[in-house]
Each structure stands twice: as C-alpha cells, then as structure tokens.
C-alpha atoms as a PDB file:
ATOM      1  CA  MET A   1     -10.754   2.527  20.999  1.00  0.00           C
ATOM      2  CA  ALA A   2     -13.057   1.153  18.305  1.00  0.00           C
ATOM      3  CA  LEU A   3     -12.145   4.117  16.115  1.00  0.00           C
ATOM      4  CA  MET A   4      -8.462   3.134  16.277  1.00  0.00           C
ATOM      5  CA  TYR A   5      -9.255  -0.427  15.169  1.00  0.00           C
ATOM      6  CA  LEU A   6     -11.464   0.912  12.396  1.00  0.00           C
ATOM      7  CA  LEU A   7      -8.660   3.181  11.179  1.00  0.00           C
ATOM      8  CA  LEU A   8      -6.206   0.257  11.269  1.00  0.00           C
ATOM      9  CA  LEU A   9      -8.646  -1.829   9.265  1.00  0.00           C
ATOM     10  CA  ILE A  10      -9.167   0.922   6.679  1.00  0.00           C
ATOM     11  CA  PHE A  11      -5.438   1.616   6.387  1.00  0.00           C
ATOM     12  CA  GLY A  12      -4.817  -2.143   6.067  1.00  0.00           C
ATOM     13  CA  LEU A  13      -7.342  -2.393   3.234  1.00  0.00           C
ATOM     14  CA  ILE A  14      -5.711   0.571   1.465  1.00  0.00           C
ATOM     15  CA  CYS A  15      -2.292  -1.088   1.803  1.00  0.00           C
ATOM     16  CA  LEU A  16      -3.763  -4.344   0.497  1.00  0.00           C
ATOM     17  CA  PHE A  17      -5.135  -2.554  -2.571  1.00  0.00           C
ATOM     18  CA  VAL A  18      -1.793  -0.797  -3.196  1.00  0.00           C
ATOM     19  CA  GLY A  19       0.102  -4.071  -2.719  1.00  0.00           C
ATOM     20  CA  ILE A  20      -2.099  -5.963  -5.172  1.00  0.00           C
ATOM     21  CA  ALA A  21      -1.904  -3.148  -7.744  1.00  0.00           C
ATOM     22  CA  SER A  22       1.877  -3.006  -7.349  1.00  0.00           C
ATOM     23  CA  LEU A  23       2.179  -6.776  -7.690  1.00  0.00           C
ATOM     24  CA  ARG A  24       0.116  -6.759 -10.899  1.00  0.00           C
ATOM     25  CA  LYS A  25       2.303  -3.998 -12.338  1.00  0.00           C
ATOM     26  CA  ASP A  26       5.514  -5.771 -11.310  1.00  0.00           C
ATOM     27  CA  ARG A  27       4.367  -9.048 -12.855  1.00  0.00           C
ATOM     28  CA  GLY A  28       3.902  -7.204 -16.156  1.00  0.00           C
ATOM     29  CA  ILE A  29       7.626  -7.072 -16.748  1.00  0.00           C
ATOM     30  CA  TYR A  30       7.693 -10.873 -16.784  1.00  0.00           C
ATOM     31  CA  ALA A  31       4.689 -11.119 -19.079  1.00  0.00           C
ATOM     32  CA  ARG A  32       5.770  -8.458 -21.589  1.00  0.00           C
ATOM     33  CA  GLY A  33       9.474  -8.150 -20.799  1.00  0.00           C
ATOM     34  CA  VAL A  34      12.295  -9.242 -23.072  1.00  0.00           C
ATOM     35  CA  LYS A  35      15.052 -11.390 -21.643  1.00  0.00           C
ATOM     36  CA  LYS A  36      18.519 -10.940 -23.098  1.00  0.00           C
ATOM     37  CA  ALA A  37      21.973 -12.148 -22.200  1.00  0.00           C
ATOM     38  CA  ALA A  38      24.288  -9.501 -20.783  1.00  0.00           C
ATOM     39  CA  VAL A  39      28.036  -9.645 -20.270  1.00  0.00           C
ATOM     40  CA  VAL A  40      30.140  -7.965 -17.589  1.00  0.00           C
ATOM     41  CA  VAL A  41      32.335  -5.479 -19.465  1.00  0.00           C
ATOM     42  CA  ALA A  42      33.690  -3.463 -16.528  1.00  0.00           C
ATOM     43  CA  ILE A  43      33.934  -3.463 -12.758  1.00  0.00           C
ATOM     44  CA  GLU A  44      33.670  -0.079 -11.040  1.00  0.00           C
ATOM     45  CA  GLU A  45      34.373   1.099  -7.528  1.00  0.00           C
ATOM     46  CA  THR A  46      31.397   2.386  -5.602  1.00  0.00           C
ATOM     47  CA  SER A  47      30.345   3.175  -2.048  1.00  0.00           C
ATOM     48  CA  PHE A  48      27.255   1.884  -0.355  1.00  0.00           C
ATOM     49  CA  SER A  49      25.649   1.764   3.064  1.00  0.00           C
ATOM     50  CA  GLY A  50      27.062  -1.134   5.057  1.00  0.00           C
ATOM     51  CA  THR A  51      25.297  -3.256   7.654  1.00  0.00           C
ATOM     52  CA  ASN A  52      25.989  -0.771  10.445  1.00  0.00           C
ATOM     53  CA  THR A  53      24.927   2.249   8.335  1.00  0.00           C
ATOM     54  CA  ARG A  54      28.518   3.340   7.697  1.00  0.00           C
ATOM     55  CA  MET A  55      29.550   3.879   4.119  1.00  0.00           C
ATOM     56  CA  ALA A  56      31.555   0.970   2.733  1.00  0.00           C
ATOM     57  CA  GLN A  57      33.772   0.875  -0.324  1.00  0.00           C
ATOM     58  CA  GLY A  58      32.925  -1.802  -2.816  1.00  0.00           C
ATOM     59  CA  PHE A  59      32.450  -2.753  -6.426  1.00  0.00           C
ATOM     60  CA  HIS A  60      29.626  -3.287  -8.915  1.00  0.00           C
ATOM     61  CA  ALA A  61      29.543  -4.695 -12.421  1.00  0.00           C
ATOM     62  CA  ILE A  62      28.729  -2.867 -15.637  1.00  0.00           C
ATOM     63  CA  TYR A  63      26.762  -5.099 -18.016  1.00  0.00           C
ATOM     64  CA  CYS A  64      26.449  -4.748 -21.766  1.00  0.00           C
ATOM     65  CA  TYR A  65      23.471  -6.163 -23.701  1.00  0.00           C
ATOM     66  CA  LYS A  66      21.724  -5.636 -27.020  1.00  0.00           C
ATOM     67  CA  ASP A  67      18.057  -4.874 -27.544  1.00  0.00           C
ATOM     68  CA  GLY A  68      15.864  -6.385 -30.266  1.00  0.00           C
ATOM     69  CA  HIS A  69      17.184  -3.894 -32.819  1.00  0.00           C
ATOM     70  CA  GLY A  70      20.812  -4.746 -32.103  1.00  0.00           C
ATOM     71  CA  LYS A  71      21.516  -1.475 -30.270  1.00  0.00           C
ATOM     72  CA  GLU A  72      23.989  -1.861 -27.433  1.00  0.00           C
ATOM     73  CA  HIS A  73      23.056  -0.722 -23.905  1.00  0.00           C
ATOM     74  CA  ARG A  74      24.956  -0.601 -20.636  1.00  0.00           C
ATOM     75  CA  LEU A  75      23.546  -1.304 -17.206  1.00  0.00           C
ATOM     76  CA  THR A  76      25.053  -0.661 -13.805  1.00  0.00           C
ATOM     77  CA  GLY A  77      24.391  -3.798 -11.791  1.00  0.00           C
ATOM     78  CA  ASN A  78      22.399  -3.605  -8.576  1.00  0.00           C
ATOM     79  CA  ARG A  79      24.528  -6.170  -6.758  1.00  0.00           C
ATOM     80  CA  LYS A  80      27.425  -4.667  -4.832  1.00  0.00           C
ATOM     81  CA  SER A  81      30.293  -6.421  -3.119  1.00  0.00           C
ATOM     82  CA  THR A  82      33.302  -5.429  -1.056  1.00  0.00           C
ATOM     83  CA  SER A  83      35.399  -7.884  -3.050  1.00  0.00           C
ATOM     84  CA  ARG A  84      36.290  -7.295  -6.690  1.00  0.00           C
ATOM     85  CA  ASP A  85      36.691 -11.087  -7.039  1.00  0.00           C
ATOM     86  CA  ASN A  86      32.917 -11.552  -6.879  1.00  0.00           C
ATOM     87  CA  PHE A  87      32.682 -10.202 -10.421  1.00  0.00           C
ATOM     88  CA  ALA A  88      34.443 -11.556 -13.469  1.00  0.00           C
ATOM     89  CA  LEU A  89      34.849  -9.809 -16.802  1.00  0.00           C
ATOM     90  CA  GLY A  90      32.918 -11.773 -19.395  1.00  0.00           C
ATOM     91  CA  GLU A  91      30.515 -13.228 -16.819  1.00  0.00           C
ATOM     92  CA  ARG A  92      27.051 -13.725 -18.339  1.00  0.00           C
ATOM     93  CA  LYS A  93      23.755 -12.752 -16.784  1.00  0.00           C
ATOM     94  CA  THR A  94      20.183 -12.471 -18.000  1.00  0.00           C
ATOM     95  CA  VAL A  95      18.584  -9.032 -17.913  1.00  0.00           C
ATOM     96  CA  ILE A  96      14.937  -8.247 -18.524  1.00  0.00           C
ATOM     97  CA  PHE A  97      13.397  -5.077 -19.962  1.00  0.00           C
ATOM     98  CA  TYR A  98      10.315  -3.708 -21.670  1.00  0.00           C
ATOM     99  CA  PRO A  99      10.699  -3.509 -25.455  1.00  0.00           C
ATOM    100  CA  GLN A 100       9.650   0.176 -25.340  1.00  0.00           C
ATOM    101  CA  ALA A 101      12.388   1.024 -22.800  1.00  0.00           C
ATOM    102  CA  PRO A 102      15.407  -1.212 -23.418  1.00  0.00           C
ATOM    103  CA  SER A 103      17.745   1.152 -21.573  1.00  0.00           C
ATOM    104  CA  GLU A 104      15.839   0.513 -18.314  1.00  0.00           C
ATOM    105  CA  ALA A 105      16.754  -3.132 -17.838  1.00  0.00           C
ATOM    106  CA  LEU A 106      16.773  -5.001 -14.534  1.00  0.00           C
ATOM    107  CA  ASP A 107      19.604  -7.317 -13.603  1.00  0.00           C
ATOM    108  CA  GLN A 108      17.835  -8.601 -10.486  1.00  0.00           C
ATOM    109  CA  PRO A 109      14.164  -8.743 -11.474  1.00  0.00           C
ATOM    110  CA  TYR A 110      13.077 -10.536  -8.301  1.00  0.00           C
ATOM    111  CA  LYS A 111      13.879  -7.368  -6.320  1.00  0.00           C
ATOM    112  CA  VAL A 112      11.006  -5.667  -8.129  1.00  0.00           C
ATOM    113  CA  TYR A 113       8.615  -7.636  -5.908  1.00  0.00           C
ATOM    114  CA  SER A 114      10.056  -6.370  -2.625  1.00  0.00           C
ATOM    115  CA  THR A 115       7.789  -3.303  -2.397  1.00  0.00           C
ATOM    116  CA  SER A 116       4.703  -5.369  -3.216  1.00  0.00           C
ATOM    117  CA  VAL A 117       5.581  -7.947  -0.592  1.00  0.00           C
ATOM    118  CA  VAL A 118       6.081  -5.280   2.094  1.00  0.00           C
ATOM    119  CA  TYR A 119       2.664  -3.775   1.323  1.00  0.00           C
ATOM    120  CA  LEU A 120       0.952  -7.174   1.317  1.00  0.00           C
ATOM    121  CA  ILE A 121       2.519  -8.374   4.574  1.00  0.00           C
ATOM    122  CA  GLY A 122       1.898  -5.015   6.238  1.00  0.00           C
ATOM    123  CA  SER A 123      -1.709  -4.966   5.086  1.00  0.00           C
ATOM    124  CA  ILE A 124      -2.347  -8.454   6.451  1.00  0.00           C
ATOM    125  CA  ALA A 125      -0.916  -7.405   9.825  1.00  0.00           C
ATOM    126  CA  LEU A 126      -2.971  -4.199   9.923  1.00  0.00           C
ATOM    127  CA  ILE A 127      -6.171  -5.967   8.891  1.00  0.00           C
ATOM    128  CA  GLY A 128      -5.541  -8.666  11.493  1.00  0.00           C
ATOM    129  CA  VAL A 129      -5.056  -6.135  14.276  1.00  0.00           C
ATOM    130  CA  GLY A 130      -8.046  -4.109  13.095  1.00  0.00           C
ATOM    131  CA  LEU A 131     -10.312  -7.164  13.014  1.00  0.00           C
ATOM    132  CA  SER A 132      -9.048  -8.383  16.383  1.00  0.00           C
ATOM    133  CA  GLY A 133     -10.367  -5.164  17.903  1.00  0.00           C
ATOM    134  CA  PHE A 134     -13.869  -5.939  16.674  1.00  0.00           C
ATOM    135  CA  PHE A 135     -13.950  -9.711  17.112  1.00  0.00           C
ATOM    136  CA  GLY A 136     -11.257 -10.260  19.749  1.00  0.00           C
ATOM    137  CA  THR A 137     -11.860 -10.876  23.380  1.00  0.00           C
END
C-alpha cells in the first residue's frame, strides 16, 4: 500500500514539474508576443462536437491581421457558435503572436493556459493523496 502512495507522490511531482514548465512556456507568449488588431473578414460554416458528443453545425470567424512588416495573415478563430449572428463582419479583436511566427496567432490566448492548469491541479491532487498515505491516519 505504501508503494502505491509513493508512486502517486512521484507521479504528482512529475506532473507538477510539467505543469510549471508548461506555464513558463505559455507565459512567454505574453512577454515576447506581439498584439495586433484583427478584423473579421469572413464567417464560415463548420462542424464541432456538441455538449452531448454529437456533431453540431455551426460557424466560426476568419480574422485578418497584419504583422510588423505589413504582411497580411488570416486566422481561423477558435470560438465556434451555432448562430451566425454571434459574429459580425468588421468586428475587431486582438490577436497575439510571436514575431518569428506571425502566421501562428492566437485569438483566445487565455486558452493557452488550460493545459498548464490541468497539470497543476492534477499534481496537487496526486501529491495530496500520496502524502496522505504517509502522514494520514
């Protein structure tokens, strides 16, 4: 039984390390990233997994933005909706990208943190369970 708690503790520490490394990497886009205004230039039909795992028909926006050299780039937005009315042509949004890779912009930068947060929360749970096996009653 102690071996199981030890393995949970070790796996929790590994997840903690991966979560912290991922968080540091993800924060880099804010430190070194370029923020530019983007404009919705098109609205396309798409399909995506709905809440009950069935495929749903919906829409997503296509954004246009310019990098530091004035070159135009297009980005398929991450946000999807079943209503076309949730997007408006000409709507403005801020995108963020690394200067070395302007074609790889993010339109929802906060979603970058989701993987880091999952690792950090999971690691805390695993470490807690692992430690409870050694120090619990």
